[in-house]
């Protein structure tokens, strides 16, 4: 099983309707198959996520965050890991806002 505990990720690609950027830092914690993260940076003042990790390292998660406009934003995301040649993890994500315009997007975040 993948272990994301204490790994730090930053976005390298995001859809235009997303709020994360390369200034956003995610600090992952994992206990068993339960994944949590606090994140901030760029347009995001503070965010949290909680998810479940399957036997292949895929993550199903829910997130909520407060942006610089003072809005509380929520969403769902599915992430699929790819291990790079250097051993770092890259997560390919499909997400959807459950607040605001409820639009969908794609992003890629990479272990630092």
N, C-alpha and C. Protein backbone atom coordinates (compact mmCIF):
# COMPACT_ATOMS: atom_id res chain seq x y z
N UNK A 1 0.84 -1.20 0.00
CA UNK A 1 0.00 0.00 0.00
C UNK A 1 0.87 1.25 0.00
N UNK A 2 0.43 2.24 -0.72
CA UNK A 2 1.12 3.53 -0.71
C UNK A 2 1.02 4.14 0.68
N UNK A 3 2.10 4.81 1.08
CA UNK A 3 2.06 5.53 2.35
C UNK A 3 2.40 6.99 2.05
N UNK A 4 1.42 7.85 2.26
CA UNK A 4 1.59 9.28 1.99
C UNK A 4 1.99 10.06 3.24
N UNK A 5 2.20 9.37 4.36
CA UNK A 5 2.43 10.06 5.63
C UNK A 5 3.67 10.95 5.55
N UNK A 6 3.50 12.19 5.98
CA UNK A 6 4.56 13.21 6.05
C UNK A 6 5.11 13.64 4.70
N UNK A 7 4.41 13.32 3.62
CA UNK A 7 4.85 13.77 2.30
C UNK A 7 4.25 15.15 2.01
N UNK A 8 5.03 15.96 1.31
CA UNK A 8 4.62 17.32 0.96
C UNK A 8 4.43 17.39 -0.55
N UNK A 9 3.28 17.92 -0.96
CA UNK A 9 2.94 18.03 -2.38
C UNK A 9 2.67 19.48 -2.75
N UNK A 10 2.97 19.81 -4.02
CA UNK A 10 2.63 21.10 -4.61
C UNK A 10 2.01 20.85 -5.98
N UNK A 11 1.01 21.65 -6.34
CA UNK A 11 0.43 21.53 -7.68
C UNK A 11 1.44 21.94 -8.75
N UNK A 12 1.41 21.21 -9.88
CA UNK A 12 2.23 21.59 -11.03
C UNK A 12 1.32 21.95 -12.22
N UNK A 13 0.06 21.49 -12.20
CA UNK A 13 -0.93 21.80 -13.24
C UNK A 13 -2.29 21.89 -12.56
N UNK A 14 -3.14 22.84 -13.00
CA UNK A 14 -4.51 22.91 -12.49
C UNK A 14 -5.40 23.55 -13.54
N UNK A 15 -6.66 23.14 -13.55
CA UNK A 15 -7.65 23.77 -14.42
C UNK A 15 -7.84 25.22 -14.00
N UNK A 16 -8.28 26.05 -14.93
CA UNK A 16 -8.44 27.48 -14.68
C UNK A 16 -9.42 27.77 -13.55
N UNK A 17 -10.43 26.91 -13.38
CA UNK A 17 -11.45 27.12 -12.35
C UNK A 17 -11.03 26.61 -10.97
N UNK A 18 -9.79 26.14 -10.83
CA UNK A 18 -9.28 25.69 -9.54
C UNK A 18 -8.66 26.83 -8.76
N UNK A 19 -8.44 26.61 -7.47
CA UNK A 19 -7.85 27.65 -6.62
C UNK A 19 -6.42 27.34 -6.19
N UNK A 20 -5.94 26.12 -6.41
CA UNK A 20 -4.57 25.81 -6.03
C UNK A 20 -3.60 26.28 -7.11
N UNK A 21 -2.37 26.50 -6.69
CA UNK A 21 -1.30 26.91 -7.60
C UNK A 21 0.01 26.35 -7.06
N UNK A 22 1.11 26.65 -7.76
CA UNK A 22 2.41 26.16 -7.26
C UNK A 22 2.81 26.80 -5.94
N UNK A 23 2.04 27.79 -5.47
CA UNK A 23 2.27 28.39 -4.15
C UNK A 23 1.56 27.61 -3.03
N UNK A 24 0.67 26.69 -3.41
CA UNK A 24 -0.09 25.92 -2.43
C UNK A 24 0.73 24.72 -1.97
N UNK A 25 0.81 24.52 -0.66
CA UNK A 25 1.56 23.41 -0.09
C UNK A 25 0.59 22.51 0.67
N UNK A 26 0.62 21.21 0.33
CA UNK A 26 -0.18 20.19 1.00
C UNK A 26 0.74 19.34 1.85
N UNK A 27 0.42 19.19 3.13
CA UNK A 27 1.18 18.31 4.02
C UNK A 27 0.28 17.13 4.36
N UNK A 28 0.63 15.96 3.82
CA UNK A 28 -0.20 14.77 3.96
C UNK A 28 0.17 13.99 5.23
N UNK A 29 -0.86 13.46 5.87
CA UNK A 29 -0.71 12.55 7.01
C UNK A 29 -1.56 11.33 6.70
N UNK A 30 -1.07 10.15 7.03
CA UNK A 30 -1.82 8.93 6.78
C UNK A 30 -1.73 8.01 7.98
N UNK A 31 -2.87 7.46 8.37
CA UNK A 31 -2.96 6.48 9.45
C UNK A 31 -3.82 5.35 8.92
N UNK A 32 -3.21 4.18 8.67
CA UNK A 32 -3.93 3.10 8.03
C UNK A 32 -4.29 3.55 6.62
N UNK A 33 -5.58 3.45 6.26
CA UNK A 33 -5.99 3.90 4.93
C UNK A 33 -6.65 5.28 4.96
N UNK A 34 -6.57 5.97 6.11
CA UNK A 34 -7.17 7.29 6.25
C UNK A 34 -6.11 8.36 6.01
N UNK A 35 -6.39 9.23 5.05
CA UNK A 35 -5.47 10.30 4.67
C UNK A 35 -6.07 11.64 5.08
N UNK A 36 -5.25 12.52 5.65
CA UNK A 36 -5.67 13.89 5.96
C UNK A 36 -4.57 14.84 5.47
N UNK A 37 -4.96 16.08 5.28
CA UNK A 37 -3.98 17.09 4.91
C UNK A 37 -4.47 18.46 5.33
N UNK A 38 -3.53 19.29 5.75
CA UNK A 38 -3.76 20.73 5.87
C UNK A 38 -3.01 21.35 4.72
N UNK A 39 -3.58 22.40 4.15
CA UNK A 39 -2.91 23.06 3.04
C UNK A 39 -3.24 24.55 3.02
N UNK A 40 -2.35 25.32 2.41
CA UNK A 40 -2.52 26.76 2.27
C UNK A 40 -1.54 27.27 1.23
N UNK A 41 -1.74 28.51 0.83
CA UNK A 41 -0.84 29.16 -0.10
C UNK A 41 -1.54 29.60 -1.36
N UNK A 42 -1.04 30.65 -1.97
CA UNK A 42 -1.68 31.19 -3.17
C UNK A 42 -3.03 31.79 -2.81
N UNK A 43 -4.08 31.37 -3.50
CA UNK A 43 -5.43 31.89 -3.27
C UNK A 43 -6.09 31.30 -2.03
N UNK A 44 -5.44 30.31 -1.40
CA UNK A 44 -6.06 29.58 -0.29
C UNK A 44 -5.44 30.00 1.04
N UNK A 45 -6.28 30.52 1.94
CA UNK A 45 -5.82 30.90 3.27
C UNK A 45 -5.61 29.65 4.12
N UNK A 46 -6.60 28.74 4.10
CA UNK A 46 -6.51 27.52 4.90
C UNK A 46 -7.42 26.48 4.30
N UNK A 47 -6.94 25.25 4.21
CA UNK A 47 -7.75 24.15 3.71
C UNK A 47 -7.44 22.86 4.42
N UNK A 48 -8.41 21.95 4.36
CA UNK A 48 -8.26 20.61 4.92
C UNK A 48 -8.85 19.61 3.94
N UNK A 49 -8.29 18.41 3.94
CA UNK A 49 -8.92 17.33 3.19
C UNK A 49 -8.88 16.07 4.03
N UNK A 50 -9.82 15.17 3.73
CA UNK A 50 -9.84 13.84 4.33
C UNK A 50 -10.19 12.86 3.23
N UNK A 51 -9.50 11.73 3.23
CA UNK A 51 -9.73 10.76 2.17
C UNK A 51 -9.41 9.36 2.60
N UNK A 52 -9.74 8.44 1.71
CA UNK A 52 -9.44 7.03 1.89
C UNK A 52 -8.49 6.59 0.78
N UNK A 53 -7.47 5.83 1.16
CA UNK A 53 -6.47 5.33 0.23
C UNK A 53 -6.75 3.85 -0.02
N UNK A 54 -6.84 3.44 -1.31
CA UNK A 54 -7.06 2.02 -1.58
C UNK A 54 -5.73 1.28 -1.72
N UNK A 55 -5.79 -0.02 -2.01
CA UNK A 55 -4.59 -0.85 -2.06
C UNK A 55 -3.64 -0.45 -3.19
N UNK A 56 -4.11 0.29 -4.18
CA UNK A 56 -3.26 0.76 -5.28
C UNK A 56 -2.79 2.20 -5.10
N UNK A 57 -3.11 2.80 -3.96
CA UNK A 57 -2.70 4.17 -3.68
C UNK A 57 -3.65 5.22 -4.20
N UNK A 58 -4.76 4.80 -4.83
CA UNK A 58 -5.75 5.77 -5.29
C UNK A 58 -6.45 6.37 -4.08
N UNK A 59 -6.77 7.65 -4.18
CA UNK A 59 -7.38 8.38 -3.07
C UNK A 59 -8.74 8.91 -3.49
N UNK A 60 -9.73 8.69 -2.64
CA UNK A 60 -11.02 9.35 -2.77
C UNK A 60 -11.13 10.30 -1.60
N UNK A 61 -11.35 11.59 -1.88
CA UNK A 61 -11.29 12.57 -0.79
C UNK A 61 -12.38 13.62 -0.90
N UNK A 62 -12.55 14.32 0.20
CA UNK A 62 -13.41 15.50 0.31
C UNK A 62 -12.53 16.62 0.84
N UNK A 63 -12.79 17.85 0.39
CA UNK A 63 -11.98 18.97 0.86
C UNK A 63 -12.84 20.19 1.12
N UNK A 64 -12.33 21.04 1.99
CA UNK A 64 -12.95 22.34 2.22
C UNK A 64 -11.83 23.35 2.47
N UNK A 65 -12.07 24.58 2.02
CA UNK A 65 -11.03 25.60 2.14
C UNK A 65 -11.65 26.98 2.17
N UNK A 66 -10.91 27.92 2.76
CA UNK A 66 -11.29 29.33 2.75
C UNK A 66 -10.31 30.04 1.83
N UNK A 67 -10.86 30.74 0.83
CA UNK A 67 -10.00 31.43 -0.13
C UNK A 67 -9.78 32.89 0.29
N UNK A 68 -8.97 33.60 -0.47
CA UNK A 68 -8.63 34.99 -0.14
C UNK A 68 -9.83 35.92 -0.23
N UNK A 69 -10.89 35.50 -0.90
CA UNK A 69 -12.12 36.31 -0.96
C UNK A 69 -12.97 36.11 0.29
N UNK A 70 -12.53 35.21 1.19
CA UNK A 70 -13.29 34.92 2.40
C UNK A 70 -14.42 33.93 2.17
N UNK A 71 -14.38 33.21 1.04
CA UNK A 71 -15.41 32.23 0.73
C UNK A 71 -15.02 30.85 1.25
N UNK A 72 -16.00 30.12 1.74
CA UNK A 72 -15.81 28.72 2.13
C UNK A 72 -16.17 27.87 0.92
N UNK A 73 -15.20 27.15 0.40
CA UNK A 73 -15.38 26.32 -0.79
C UNK A 73 -15.22 24.85 -0.41
N UNK A 74 -16.02 23.98 -1.05
CA UNK A 74 -15.98 22.55 -0.75
C UNK A 74 -15.94 21.76 -2.06
N UNK A 75 -15.42 20.54 -1.97
CA UNK A 75 -15.37 19.72 -3.17
C UNK A 75 -15.02 18.28 -2.91
N UNK A 76 -15.04 17.51 -4.00
CA UNK A 76 -14.66 16.10 -3.97
C UNK A 76 -13.56 15.89 -4.99
N UNK A 77 -12.72 14.89 -4.75
CA UNK A 77 -11.58 14.66 -5.63
C UNK A 77 -11.20 13.18 -5.61
N UNK A 78 -10.79 12.69 -6.78
CA UNK A 78 -10.21 11.35 -6.90
C UNK A 78 -8.81 11.52 -7.46
N UNK A 79 -7.84 10.88 -6.81
CA UNK A 79 -6.44 11.01 -7.21
C UNK A 79 -5.86 9.64 -7.54
N UNK A 80 -5.06 9.61 -8.60
CA UNK A 80 -4.40 8.37 -8.99
C UNK A 80 -2.89 8.61 -9.01
N UNK A 81 -2.12 7.78 -8.27
CA UNK A 81 -0.67 8.02 -8.18
C UNK A 81 0.10 7.43 -9.35
N UNK A 82 1.19 8.10 -9.69
CA UNK A 82 2.20 7.60 -10.61
C UNK A 82 3.54 7.83 -9.90
N UNK A 83 4.38 6.81 -9.86
CA UNK A 83 5.70 6.95 -9.25
C UNK A 83 6.69 7.33 -10.34
N UNK A 84 7.38 8.44 -10.13
CA UNK A 84 8.35 8.94 -11.10
C UNK A 84 9.67 8.17 -10.99
N UNK A 85 10.53 8.33 -11.97
CA UNK A 85 11.83 7.65 -11.97
C UNK A 85 12.65 7.97 -10.73
N UNK A 86 12.49 9.17 -10.18
CA UNK A 86 13.25 9.56 -8.99
C UNK A 86 12.60 9.08 -7.69
N UNK A 87 11.49 8.30 -7.82
CA UNK A 87 10.82 7.74 -6.64
C UNK A 87 9.75 8.64 -6.05
N UNK A 88 9.67 9.88 -6.52
CA UNK A 88 8.64 10.81 -6.03
C UNK A 88 7.28 10.43 -6.62
N UNK A 89 6.22 10.83 -5.90
CA UNK A 89 4.86 10.51 -6.33
C UNK A 89 4.24 11.72 -7.01
N UNK A 90 3.57 11.45 -8.14
CA UNK A 90 2.79 12.47 -8.83
C UNK A 90 1.33 11.99 -8.80
N UNK A 91 0.44 12.86 -8.34
CA UNK A 91 -0.98 12.52 -8.25
C UNK A 91 -1.77 13.22 -9.35
N UNK A 92 -2.45 12.43 -10.16
CA UNK A 92 -3.33 12.93 -11.22
C UNK A 92 -4.73 12.98 -10.65
N UNK A 93 -5.32 14.18 -10.60
CA UNK A 93 -6.55 14.40 -9.87
C UNK A 93 -7.70 14.85 -10.77
N UNK A 94 -8.87 14.29 -10.49
CA UNK A 94 -10.13 14.75 -11.09
C UNK A 94 -10.97 15.25 -9.93
N UNK A 95 -11.41 16.51 -10.01
CA UNK A 95 -12.12 17.10 -8.88
C UNK A 95 -13.37 17.82 -9.35
N UNK A 96 -14.22 18.11 -8.37
CA UNK A 96 -15.47 18.81 -8.64
C UNK A 96 -15.85 19.65 -7.43
N UNK A 97 -16.18 20.91 -7.69
CA UNK A 97 -16.68 21.76 -6.61
C UNK A 97 -18.07 21.28 -6.21
N UNK A 98 -18.32 21.22 -4.90
CA UNK A 98 -19.67 20.96 -4.40
C UNK A 98 -20.29 22.24 -3.87
N UNK A 99 -19.58 23.35 -4.07
CA UNK A 99 -20.07 24.69 -3.73
C UNK A 99 -19.80 25.58 -4.94
N UNK A 100 -20.21 26.82 -4.86
CA UNK A 100 -19.95 27.75 -5.96
C UNK A 100 -20.63 27.30 -7.24
N UNK A 101 -19.87 27.30 -8.34
CA UNK A 101 -20.46 26.96 -9.63
C UNK A 101 -20.54 25.46 -9.90
N UNK A 102 -20.04 24.65 -8.98
CA UNK A 102 -20.09 23.17 -9.07
C UNK A 102 -19.42 22.65 -10.34
N UNK A 103 -18.42 23.38 -10.83
CA UNK A 103 -17.70 22.96 -12.03
C UNK A 103 -16.70 21.85 -11.69
N UNK A 104 -16.15 21.23 -12.73
CA UNK A 104 -15.18 20.15 -12.59
C UNK A 104 -13.84 20.60 -13.13
N UNK A 105 -12.77 19.88 -12.72
CA UNK A 105 -11.45 20.20 -13.22
C UNK A 105 -10.48 19.05 -13.06
N UNK A 106 -9.29 19.27 -13.54
CA UNK A 106 -8.18 18.30 -13.46
C UNK A 106 -6.96 19.02 -12.89
N UNK A 107 -6.19 18.32 -12.10
CA UNK A 107 -4.95 18.89 -11.59
C UNK A 107 -3.93 17.79 -11.42
N UNK A 108 -2.69 18.20 -11.32
CA UNK A 108 -1.58 17.28 -11.02
C UNK A 108 -0.79 17.91 -9.90
N UNK A 109 -0.59 17.14 -8.82
CA UNK A 109 0.29 17.60 -7.74
C UNK A 109 1.44 16.63 -7.63
N UNK A 110 2.58 17.14 -7.19
CA UNK A 110 3.79 16.33 -7.15
C UNK A 110 4.49 16.44 -5.80
N UNK A 111 4.99 15.30 -5.35
CA UNK A 111 5.74 15.26 -4.10
C UNK A 111 7.01 16.09 -4.22
N UNK A 112 7.30 16.86 -3.18
CA UNK A 112 8.48 17.71 -3.16
C UNK A 112 9.67 16.97 -2.59
